[in-house]
Amino acid sequence: MQPRMGGIIHANIPDIETLYASYMPYVVGGGLFIPTKQPVKLGEEVFVLATLPEQSQKIPLTGKVIWVSQKQNGIKLQGFGMQLTGEKGVYYKSEAEKLLTGLKSEGRTSYTM
């Protein structure tokens, strides 16, 4: 993941494990955790260019910051969670859930809960 540049944050999700750790299915409309040291505030609108595993296409996502992890504690990464909005958010949620269908959670960790 790269820092915000000109208001845009880049989120590269290279594999299923990273998607599993980043995606927040319990958020209405879908959510995505973005590991970054970029300061954001709860409720702030953000623009993220995100990928899905094994795809090079960058998907423009908009959303609201709903979770902020201020500092690393050795277990969880510093960053923020965003609630996905708009048509691209619906698309990303749908594609992420297709990729994660049937994946067992046993032994896997998440960046959030």
Protein backbone atom coordinates (compact mmCIF):
# COMPACT_ATOMS: atom_id res chain seq x y z
CA MET A 1 0.00 0.00 0.00
CA GLN A 2 1.27 3.43 -0.85
CA PRO A 3 0.66 6.77 0.85
CA ARG A 4 -1.95 9.20 -0.37
CA MET A 5 -0.77 11.26 -3.32
CA GLY A 6 -2.85 14.27 -4.27
CA GLY A 7 -5.79 13.00 -2.21
CA ILE A 8 -5.68 9.50 -3.68
CA ILE A 9 -4.67 6.48 -1.65
CA HIS A 10 -3.46 3.38 -3.48
CA ALA A 11 -4.36 -0.06 -2.11
CA ASN A 12 -2.79 -3.06 -3.81
CA ILE A 13 -4.53 -6.30 -2.81
CA PRO A 14 -2.20 -8.86 -4.45
CA ASP A 15 -3.62 -12.13 -3.11
CA ILE A 16 -6.54 -13.82 -1.38
CA GLU A 17 -4.84 -13.71 2.04
CA THR A 18 -4.46 -9.92 1.85
CA LEU A 19 -8.06 -9.58 0.65
CA TYR A 20 -9.25 -11.76 3.53
CA ALA A 21 -7.30 -9.64 6.03
CA SER A 22 -8.47 -6.34 4.48
CA TYR A 23 -12.12 -6.89 3.56
CA MET A 24 -14.78 -6.14 6.20
CA PRO A 25 -17.97 -8.04 5.28
CA TYR A 26 -19.74 -6.94 8.47
CA VAL A 27 -19.83 -3.30 7.30
CA VAL A 28 -23.06 -2.26 5.55
CA GLY A 29 -22.20 -1.97 1.86
CA GLY A 30 -18.82 -3.61 2.45
CA GLY A 31 -15.68 -2.22 4.01
CA LEU A 32 -11.98 -2.25 3.31
CA PHE A 33 -9.07 -1.77 5.71
CA ILE A 34 -6.22 0.26 4.22
CA PRO A 35 -2.83 -0.14 5.96
CA THR A 36 -1.22 3.30 5.84
CA LYS A 37 0.48 5.87 8.01
CA GLN A 38 -1.48 8.60 6.23
CA PRO A 39 -3.47 10.54 8.85
CA VAL A 40 -7.24 10.43 8.36
CA LYS A 41 -10.18 11.33 10.59
CA LEU A 42 -13.33 9.41 11.39
CA GLY A 43 -16.10 10.43 9.02
CA GLU A 44 -13.67 11.78 6.40
CA GLU A 45 -14.49 11.00 2.77
CA VAL A 46 -11.62 9.18 1.04
CA PHE A 47 -10.77 8.14 -2.51
CA VAL A 48 -8.87 4.88 -2.93
CA LEU A 49 -7.60 3.16 -6.06
CA ALA A 50 -7.74 -0.53 -5.13
CA THR A 51 -6.99 -3.76 -6.91
CA LEU A 52 -8.37 -7.25 -6.46
CA PRO A 53 -6.19 -10.38 -6.31
CA GLU A 54 -4.58 -11.31 -9.62
CA GLN A 55 -6.03 -8.26 -11.37
CA SER A 56 -4.10 -5.21 -12.46
CA GLN A 57 -7.18 -3.02 -12.99
CA LYS A 58 -7.38 -0.25 -10.39
CA ILE A 59 -10.91 0.23 -9.11
CA PRO A 60 -11.76 3.77 -7.98
CA LEU A 61 -13.46 3.51 -4.61
CA THR A 62 -15.04 6.24 -2.54
CA GLY A 63 -16.12 5.89 1.03
CA LYS A 64 -16.16 7.17 4.54
CA VAL A 65 -13.55 6.47 7.22
CA ILE A 66 -15.23 4.34 9.89
CA TRP A 67 -12.23 2.90 11.75
CA VAL A 68 -8.81 4.33 12.56
CA SER A 69 -5.93 2.29 13.96
CA GLN A 70 -3.45 4.96 15.05
CA LYS A 71 -0.31 3.01 15.79
CA GLN A 72 1.13 -0.40 15.23
CA ASN A 73 1.18 -2.72 18.21
CA GLY A 74 2.97 -5.64 16.59
CA ILE A 75 -0.29 -7.47 15.86
CA LYS A 76 -2.54 -5.08 13.96
CA LEU A 77 -1.40 -2.64 11.30
CA GLN A 78 -1.72 1.12 11.41
CA GLY A 79 -4.33 2.37 8.96
CA PHE A 80 -8.04 2.93 8.54
CA GLY A 81 -11.22 1.15 7.58
CA MET A 82 -13.55 2.64 5.01
CA GLN A 83 -17.20 1.96 4.28
CA LEU A 84 -17.56 1.49 0.53
CA THR A 85 -20.06 3.69 -1.31
CA GLY A 86 -21.23 4.21 -4.88
CA GLU A 87 -21.45 1.86 -7.85
CA LYS A 88 -17.77 0.93 -7.71
CA GLY A 89 -18.16 0.09 -4.03
CA VAL A 90 -21.02 -2.28 -4.87
CA TYR A 91 -18.86 -3.84 -7.60
CA TYR A 92 -15.83 -4.24 -5.30
CA LYS A 93 -17.98 -5.77 -2.53
CA SER A 94 -19.51 -8.25 -4.99
CA GLU A 95 -16.16 -9.29 -6.47
CA ALA A 96 -14.43 -9.55 -3.08
CA GLU A 97 -17.20 -11.73 -1.70
CA LYS A 98 -17.08 -14.00 -4.76
CA LEU A 99 -13.34 -14.47 -4.26
CA LEU A 100 -13.75 -15.15 -0.54
CA THR A 101 -16.73 -17.52 -0.82
CA GLY A 102 -16.01 -20.86 0.83
CA LEU A 103 -12.73 -19.69 2.35
CA LYS A 104 -12.36 -21.04 5.86
CA SER A 105 -11.44 -18.52 8.54
CA GLU A 106 -9.58 -21.05 10.68
CA GLY A 107 -5.96 -20.04 11.05
CA ARG A 108 -6.42 -16.76 9.17
CA THR A 109 -5.99 -13.32 10.67
CA SER A 110 -7.66 -10.05 9.86
CA TYR A 111 -6.31 -6.51 9.99
CA THR A 112 -9.40 -5.55 11.98
CA MET A 113 -11.52 -7.89 14.11
